[in-house]
Amino acid sequence: MAVTAKGTPYVESSDNVADYPGVSLALANHIDDTAGKVLQVVSVTKTDTFTTTSSSYADITGLTATITPSSVNSKIYISSVINGHAMSTTQGYFQLVRGSTAIAVGDAAGARIQASTQMRNISGNNGQQSVGILFLDAPASISALTYKIQTRNQGDGTIFVNRSQSDVNSGDSSRTVSTITLMEISA
């Protein structure tokens, strides 16, 4: 039996080649087809509304998800979409948080606000817009990990999630959803 550069024996098998057409038996025995696979998915959809006037980051209730990685080498891919409205007197800032630590935020200096994404203000009070956060985290943990989205205003005004400022009960107003999805990716 031959010994590979890794020091592990390989056995020529038609099964190995069948999985990887056009690849030699020696190479087919050493292809790791588990890396980069989605091992589990946790998703939360927020259908109710949320409003804040806070100029400090506050949790958006119902936009929190928890995942327990199966390996310390796994990565967690986070995808979040937040729909809503920032009053014309402010901007809406959003950040991704793991546990109590903000992650995927900009390196803000001076008076700038650190954020994962920003919602511009809307003139008028009936529209909504969407902002998204995409991030690949490497937490190096097999403990339960809680990810959440927080929001704050610029210092004055109101941030609305899943609704417009007016939120009138008519055909020209809408209620929307916001989501956070966690995917464990094998190393």
Protein backbone atom coordinates (compact mmCIF):
# COMPACT_ATOMS: atom_id res chain seq x y z
CA MET A 1 0.00 0.00 0.00
CA ALA A 2 1.32 3.46 -0.90
CA VAL A 3 1.75 6.22 1.67
CA THR A 4 0.71 9.75 0.76
CA ALA A 5 2.44 13.03 1.61
CA LYS A 6 0.06 13.37 4.52
CA GLY A 7 1.40 10.09 5.86
CA THR A 8 -1.92 8.32 5.55
CA PRO A 9 -2.42 5.23 3.45
CA TYR A 10 -4.84 5.38 0.58
CA VAL A 11 -6.73 2.60 -1.05
CA GLU A 12 -7.57 2.83 -4.72
CA SER A 13 -11.28 2.46 -5.08
CA SER A 14 -13.72 2.98 -7.89
CA ASP A 15 -15.97 4.76 -5.37
CA ASN A 16 -13.42 7.56 -4.99
CA VAL A 17 -13.16 8.17 -8.72
CA ALA A 18 -16.92 7.91 -9.27
CA ASP A 19 -17.40 10.86 -6.91
CA TYR A 20 -14.81 12.96 -8.73
CA PRO A 21 -14.81 12.25 -12.49
CA GLY A 22 -11.58 13.13 -14.23
CA VAL A 23 -9.56 13.03 -11.00
CA SER A 24 -6.87 10.42 -10.40
CA LEU A 25 -7.43 7.75 -7.76
CA ALA A 26 -4.62 9.13 -5.62
CA LEU A 27 -6.09 12.63 -5.58
CA ALA A 28 -9.68 11.45 -5.17
CA ASN A 29 -8.74 9.69 -1.94
CA HIS A 30 -7.60 12.96 -0.41
CA ILE A 31 -10.29 15.41 -1.43
CA ASP A 32 -12.04 16.75 1.64
CA ASP A 33 -15.64 17.21 0.55
CA THR A 34 -16.89 18.20 4.00
CA ALA A 35 -15.30 21.66 4.16
CA GLY A 36 -17.61 24.56 3.40
CA LYS A 37 -20.84 22.61 3.90
CA VAL A 38 -23.84 24.05 5.72
CA LEU A 39 -24.24 21.94 8.86
CA GLN A 40 -27.27 23.65 10.38
CA VAL A 41 -29.49 26.68 9.88
CA VAL A 42 -31.36 28.73 12.47
CA SER A 43 -33.67 31.48 11.26
CA VAL A 44 -35.94 33.97 13.01
CA THR A 45 -38.53 36.15 11.31
CA LYS A 46 -39.87 39.21 13.11
CA THR A 47 -43.37 40.05 11.94
CA ASP A 48 -44.41 42.56 14.62
CA THR A 49 -43.23 46.17 14.85
CA PHE A 50 -40.59 47.85 16.98
CA THR A 51 -40.00 51.51 17.75
CA THR A 52 -37.18 53.28 19.59
CA THR A 53 -36.06 56.85 20.30
CA SER A 54 -32.81 55.70 21.91
CA SER A 55 -29.52 57.34 20.96
CA SER A 56 -27.72 54.29 22.44
CA TYR A 57 -27.89 50.84 20.86
CA ALA A 58 -30.94 48.85 21.98
CA ASP A 59 -31.98 45.30 21.14
CA ILE A 60 -34.66 44.97 18.49
CA THR A 61 -37.04 42.64 20.28
CA GLY A 62 -37.63 39.40 18.40
CA LEU A 63 -34.57 39.76 16.16
CA THR A 64 -32.33 37.37 18.10
CA ALA A 65 -31.21 33.85 17.15
CA THR A 66 -29.11 31.22 18.96
CA ILE A 67 -26.95 28.48 17.42
CA THR A 68 -24.66 25.87 18.99
CA PRO A 69 -21.75 25.00 16.67
CA SER A 70 -20.88 21.32 16.35
CA SER A 71 -17.15 22.08 16.00
CA VAL A 72 -14.79 24.69 17.39
CA ASN A 73 -13.51 25.16 13.82
CA SER A 74 -16.93 25.96 12.34
CA LYS A 75 -17.74 29.41 11.08
CA ILE A 76 -21.13 31.08 11.47
CA TYR A 77 -22.56 32.96 8.50
CA ILE A 78 -25.05 35.61 9.56
CA SER A 79 -27.56 37.11 7.14
CA SER A 80 -30.01 39.74 8.32
CA VAL A 81 -32.48 42.04 6.60
CA ILE A 82 -34.11 44.87 8.53
CA ASN A 83 -37.05 46.78 7.10
CA GLY A 84 -38.31 50.06 8.48
CA HIS A 85 -38.24 53.82 8.57
CA ALA A 86 -35.99 56.49 10.05
CA MET A 87 -37.74 59.81 10.72
CA SER A 88 -36.64 62.73 8.59
CA THR A 89 -34.88 64.24 11.63
CA THR A 90 -32.52 61.28 12.17
CA GLN A 91 -30.58 58.35 10.70
CA GLY A 92 -31.02 54.73 11.80
CA TYR A 93 -27.92 52.76 12.77
CA PHE A 94 -27.83 49.00 13.19
CA GLN A 95 -25.21 46.68 14.60
CA LEU A 96 -24.71 42.92 14.76
CA VAL A 97 -23.97 41.61 18.24
CA ARG A 98 -22.68 38.21 19.39
CA GLY A 99 -23.51 37.79 23.08
CA SER A 100 -22.77 41.29 24.33
CA THR A 101 -20.02 42.12 21.81
CA ALA A 102 -20.65 44.17 18.69
CA ILE A 103 -19.12 42.47 15.64
CA ALA A 104 -18.97 43.51 11.99
CA VAL A 105 -18.91 47.22 12.82
CA GLY A 106 -16.87 49.92 11.16
CA ASP A 107 -13.75 51.41 12.70
CA ALA A 108 -15.25 54.78 13.59
CA ALA A 109 -13.02 57.55 14.89
CA GLY A 110 -14.02 60.80 16.52
CA ALA A 111 -17.75 61.49 16.75
CA ARG A 112 -18.60 58.95 14.04
CA ILE A 113 -21.00 56.16 15.01
CA GLN A 114 -19.80 52.56 14.72
CA ALA A 115 -22.38 50.52 12.86
CA SER A 116 -22.85 47.42 10.74
CA THR A 117 -25.22 49.30 8.43
CA GLN A 118 -27.17 52.54 8.27
CA MET A 119 -30.72 53.48 7.26
CA ARG A 120 -31.05 56.93 5.74
CA ASN A 121 -33.88 59.17 6.81
CA ILE A 122 -36.95 59.31 4.64
CA SER A 123 -38.71 62.56 3.84
CA GLY A 124 -42.40 61.96 4.26
CA ASN A 125 -43.78 59.52 6.74
CA ASN A 126 -45.21 56.63 4.72
CA GLY A 127 -42.24 54.84 3.11
CA GLN A 128 -39.95 52.05 4.25
CA GLN A 129 -36.54 50.83 3.21
CA SER A 130 -34.42 47.72 3.70
CA VAL A 131 -30.88 47.39 5.02
CA GLY A 132 -28.88 44.19 5.28
CA ILE A 133 -26.02 42.71 7.24
CA LEU A 134 -23.94 39.80 5.92
CA PHE A 135 -21.01 38.53 7.99
CA LEU A 136 -18.90 35.38 8.37
CA ASP A 137 -17.97 34.95 12.04
CA ALA A 138 -15.26 32.64 13.40
CA PRO A 139 -16.25 32.32 17.08
CA ALA A 140 -14.03 29.27 17.87
CA SER A 141 -16.67 27.90 20.22
CA ILE A 142 -18.97 24.92 20.74
CA SER A 143 -21.09 26.79 23.27
CA ALA A 144 -24.48 28.26 22.40
CA LEU A 145 -24.00 31.57 20.58
CA THR A 146 -26.65 34.27 20.54
CA TYR A 147 -26.67 36.81 17.71
CA LYS A 148 -28.94 39.84 17.68
CA ILE A 149 -29.54 43.10 15.89
CA GLN A 150 -29.52 46.40 17.76
CA THR A 151 -30.52 49.86 16.58
CA ARG A 152 -30.14 53.48 17.63
CA ASN A 153 -30.86 56.91 16.23
CA GLN A 154 -28.50 59.77 15.47
CA GLY A 155 -29.44 61.60 18.63
CA ASP A 156 -32.95 62.77 17.86
CA GLY A 157 -35.99 61.17 16.26
CA THR A 158 -37.50 57.71 16.06
CA ILE A 159 -36.52 54.47 14.35
CA PHE A 160 -39.38 52.22 13.23
CA VAL A 161 -38.89 48.54 12.36
CA ASN A 162 -41.38 46.69 10.09
CA ARG A 163 -43.52 49.81 9.67
CA SER A 164 -43.46 53.38 8.43
CA GLN A 165 -43.68 56.44 10.64
CA SER A 166 -47.35 57.06 9.90
CA ASP A 167 -48.35 53.37 9.89
CA VAL A 168 -51.82 54.42 8.72
CA ASN A 169 -54.47 51.75 8.22
CA SER A 170 -54.85 52.25 4.48
CA GLY A 171 -53.85 50.77 1.16
CA ASP A 172 -50.82 53.06 0.78
CA SER A 173 -49.14 51.85 3.99
CA SER A 174 -47.47 48.51 4.71
CA ARG A 175 -46.21 46.26 7.46
CA THR A 176 -43.09 44.25 6.61
CA VAL A 177 -40.85 41.56 8.15
CA SER A 178 -37.24 41.52 9.29
CA THR A 179 -35.09 38.39 9.58
CA ILE A 180 -31.87 37.01 11.01
CA THR A 181 -30.49 33.70 9.74
CA LEU A 182 -27.49 31.82 11.15
CA MET A 183 -25.70 29.07 9.19
CA GLU A 184 -22.99 26.85 10.63
CA ILE A 185 -20.34 26.28 7.94
CA SER A 186 -17.87 23.40 8.31
CA ALA A 187 -14.16 24.23 8.26
